[in-house]
């Protein structure tokens, strides 16, 4: 049974890897990517809650003994 000649495998594998690398680089270089997003100004609307309109004792700071 004859021996398999593997002397050309190295150049075949290396050349195919280089070709694939070049093809992927060309494919990626034609892609267009979105630009960097710019920050938006957001206006915050304050809602009126019923408990904010009422006066309660929890709004007072804790009382401390005067010295």
N, C-alpha and C. Protein backbone atom coordinates (compact mmCIF):
# COMPACT_ATOMS: atom_id res chain seq x y z
N UNK A 1 0.84 -1.17 0.00
CA UNK A 1 0.00 0.00 0.00
C UNK A 1 0.89 1.25 0.00
N UNK A 2 0.63 2.19 -0.92
CA UNK A 2 1.53 3.37 -1.02
C UNK A 2 1.32 4.36 0.13
N UNK A 3 2.37 5.05 0.43
CA UNK A 3 2.34 6.06 1.50
C UNK A 3 1.66 7.33 0.98
N UNK A 4 0.90 8.00 1.87
CA UNK A 4 0.22 9.23 1.49
C UNK A 4 1.24 10.38 1.49
N UNK A 5 1.29 11.09 0.38
CA UNK A 5 2.23 12.20 0.26
C UNK A 5 1.66 13.45 0.94
N UNK A 6 2.27 13.85 2.05
CA UNK A 6 1.78 15.00 2.81
C UNK A 6 2.68 16.21 2.66
N UNK A 7 3.55 16.22 1.71
CA UNK A 7 4.50 17.33 1.56
C UNK A 7 3.82 18.63 1.14
N UNK A 8 2.68 18.56 0.48
CA UNK A 8 2.02 19.79 0.02
C UNK A 8 0.93 20.27 0.99
N UNK A 9 0.71 19.55 2.06
CA UNK A 9 -0.35 19.93 2.99
C UNK A 9 -0.09 21.27 3.67
N UNK A 10 1.15 21.50 4.04
CA UNK A 10 1.47 22.73 4.75
C UNK A 10 1.15 23.96 3.91
N UNK A 11 1.63 23.98 2.68
CA UNK A 11 1.39 25.14 1.82
C UNK A 11 -0.10 25.28 1.49
N UNK A 12 -0.80 24.18 1.39
CA UNK A 12 -2.24 24.23 1.10
C UNK A 12 -3.00 24.83 2.27
N UNK A 13 -2.68 24.39 3.48
CA UNK A 13 -3.37 24.90 4.67
C UNK A 13 -3.03 26.36 4.90
N UNK A 14 -1.79 26.72 4.76
CA UNK A 14 -1.38 28.11 4.99
C UNK A 14 -2.00 29.03 3.95
N UNK A 15 -1.98 28.64 2.71
CA UNK A 15 -2.55 29.50 1.68
C UNK A 15 -4.07 29.63 1.83
N UNK A 16 -4.74 28.57 2.25
CA UNK A 16 -6.18 28.67 2.46
C UNK A 16 -6.50 29.56 3.66
N UNK A 17 -5.69 29.51 4.71
CA UNK A 17 -5.90 30.38 5.85
C UNK A 17 -5.69 31.84 5.48
N UNK A 18 -4.66 32.11 4.70
CA UNK A 18 -4.41 33.49 4.26
C UNK A 18 -5.56 33.99 3.39
N UNK A 19 -6.04 33.12 2.51
CA UNK A 19 -7.15 33.51 1.65
C UNK A 19 -8.41 33.79 2.46
N UNK A 20 -8.70 32.94 3.44
CA UNK A 20 -9.85 33.18 4.29
C UNK A 20 -9.72 34.47 5.10
N UNK A 21 -8.52 34.72 5.58
CA UNK A 21 -8.29 35.95 6.33
C UNK A 21 -8.54 37.18 5.46
N UNK A 22 -8.04 37.16 4.24
CA UNK A 22 -8.23 38.28 3.32
C UNK A 22 -9.70 38.45 2.98
N UNK A 23 -10.38 37.35 2.73
CA UNK A 23 -11.80 37.44 2.40
C UNK A 23 -12.61 38.01 3.56
N UNK A 24 -12.33 37.57 4.77
CA UNK A 24 -13.06 38.11 5.92
C UNK A 24 -12.74 39.58 6.15
N UNK A 25 -11.49 39.96 5.93
CA UNK A 25 -11.14 41.37 6.07
C UNK A 25 -11.88 42.23 5.05
N UNK A 26 -11.98 41.75 3.85
CA UNK A 26 -12.71 42.49 2.83
C UNK A 26 -14.20 42.57 3.15
N UNK A 27 -14.73 41.49 3.65
CA UNK A 27 -16.15 41.48 4.00
C UNK A 27 -16.44 42.43 5.16
N UNK A 28 -15.58 42.43 6.15
CA UNK A 28 -15.77 43.30 7.31
C UNK A 28 -15.56 44.76 6.93
N UNK A 29 -14.62 45.04 6.06
CA UNK A 29 -14.32 46.43 5.71
C UNK A 29 -15.45 47.08 4.92
N UNK A 30 -16.31 46.29 4.29
CA UNK A 30 -17.43 46.88 3.55
C UNK A 30 -18.64 47.11 4.44
N UNK A 31 -18.60 46.64 5.69
CA UNK A 31 -19.72 46.84 6.60
C UNK A 31 -19.77 48.29 7.04
N UNK A 32 -20.96 48.81 7.21
CA UNK A 32 -21.11 50.15 7.77
C UNK A 32 -21.67 50.02 9.18
N UNK A 33 -21.02 50.68 10.10
CA UNK A 33 -21.41 50.61 11.50
C UNK A 33 -22.11 51.90 11.89
N UNK A 34 -23.06 51.85 12.80
CA UNK A 34 -23.73 53.08 13.21
C UNK A 34 -22.79 54.01 13.96
N UNK A 35 -23.08 55.28 13.89
CA UNK A 35 -22.22 56.24 14.57
C UNK A 35 -22.46 56.18 16.07
N UNK A 36 -21.60 56.83 16.79
CA UNK A 36 -21.70 56.85 18.25
C UNK A 36 -22.96 57.62 18.64
N UNK A 37 -23.78 57.07 19.49
CA UNK A 37 -25.01 57.79 19.85
C UNK A 37 -24.71 59.05 20.66
N UNK A 38 -25.46 60.08 20.38
CA UNK A 38 -25.28 61.32 21.13
C UNK A 38 -26.24 61.33 22.32
N UNK A 39 -25.84 61.95 23.41
CA UNK A 39 -26.71 61.94 24.59
C UNK A 39 -27.95 62.81 24.36
N UNK A 40 -29.07 62.32 24.84
CA UNK A 40 -30.33 63.06 24.72
C UNK A 40 -30.64 63.75 26.03
N UNK A 41 -31.26 64.90 25.92
CA UNK A 41 -31.70 65.58 27.13
C UNK A 41 -33.11 65.10 27.44
N UNK A 42 -33.28 64.65 28.64
CA UNK A 42 -34.56 64.09 29.06
C UNK A 42 -35.19 65.05 30.07
N UNK A 43 -36.40 65.45 29.81
CA UNK A 43 -37.10 66.30 30.78
C UNK A 43 -37.89 65.42 31.73
N UNK A 44 -37.67 65.65 32.98
CA UNK A 44 -38.34 64.84 34.02
C UNK A 44 -39.58 65.60 34.47
N UNK A 45 -40.70 64.96 34.37
CA UNK A 45 -41.94 65.56 34.81
C UNK A 45 -42.24 65.10 36.23
N UNK A 46 -42.39 66.07 37.10
CA UNK A 46 -42.67 65.72 38.49
C UNK A 46 -44.17 65.50 38.63
N UNK A 47 -44.51 64.36 39.16
CA UNK A 47 -45.92 64.04 39.36
C UNK A 47 -46.34 64.47 40.76
N UNK A 48 -47.57 64.88 40.85
CA UNK A 48 -48.12 65.29 42.14
C UNK A 48 -48.75 64.08 42.81
N UNK A 49 -48.18 63.69 43.91
CA UNK A 49 -48.72 62.58 44.68
C UNK A 49 -49.53 63.14 45.84
N UNK A 50 -50.60 62.47 46.19
CA UNK A 50 -51.43 62.99 47.28
C UNK A 50 -50.67 63.11 48.60
N UNK A 51 -49.74 62.22 48.87
CA UNK A 51 -49.05 62.29 50.14
C UNK A 51 -48.00 63.40 50.17
N UNK A 52 -47.64 63.96 49.03
CA UNK A 52 -46.69 65.07 49.04
C UNK A 52 -47.38 66.38 49.38
N UNK A 53 -48.67 66.46 49.18
CA UNK A 53 -49.40 67.69 49.46
C UNK A 53 -49.79 67.80 50.92
N UNK A 54 -49.82 66.72 51.64
CA UNK A 54 -50.28 66.73 53.02
C UNK A 54 -49.11 66.93 53.98
N UNK A 55 -49.41 67.64 55.05
CA UNK A 55 -48.41 67.84 56.07
C UNK A 55 -48.51 66.69 57.07
N UNK A 56 -47.40 66.03 57.28
CA UNK A 56 -47.38 64.96 58.26
C UNK A 56 -46.16 65.10 59.15
N UNK A 57 -46.17 64.37 60.20
CA UNK A 57 -45.07 64.47 61.15
C UNK A 57 -43.78 63.85 60.63
N UNK A 58 -43.88 63.01 59.62
CA UNK A 58 -42.65 62.37 59.15
C UNK A 58 -41.74 63.36 58.42
N UNK A 59 -42.27 64.56 58.09
CA UNK A 59 -41.41 65.54 57.45
C UNK A 59 -40.51 66.26 58.45
N UNK A 60 -40.87 66.19 59.73
CA UNK A 60 -40.03 66.83 60.73
C UNK A 60 -38.76 66.01 60.97
N UNK A 61 -37.66 66.66 61.18
CA UNK A 61 -36.47 65.89 61.55
C UNK A 61 -36.66 65.32 62.95
N UNK A 62 -35.98 64.27 63.26
CA UNK A 62 -36.14 63.70 64.61
C UNK A 62 -35.71 64.71 65.66
N UNK A 63 -36.51 64.83 66.66
CA UNK A 63 -36.20 65.83 67.69
C UNK A 63 -35.08 65.33 68.59
N UNK A 64 -34.19 66.22 68.87
CA UNK A 64 -33.09 65.87 69.76
C UNK A 64 -33.14 66.80 70.96
N UNK A 65 -32.73 66.35 72.10
CA UNK A 65 -32.77 67.23 73.28
C UNK A 65 -31.83 68.41 73.13
N UNK A 66 -32.32 69.57 73.47
CA UNK A 66 -31.46 70.75 73.36
C UNK A 66 -30.49 70.81 74.53
N UNK A 67 -29.32 71.24 74.23
CA UNK A 67 -28.29 71.26 75.27
C UNK A 67 -27.92 72.69 75.62
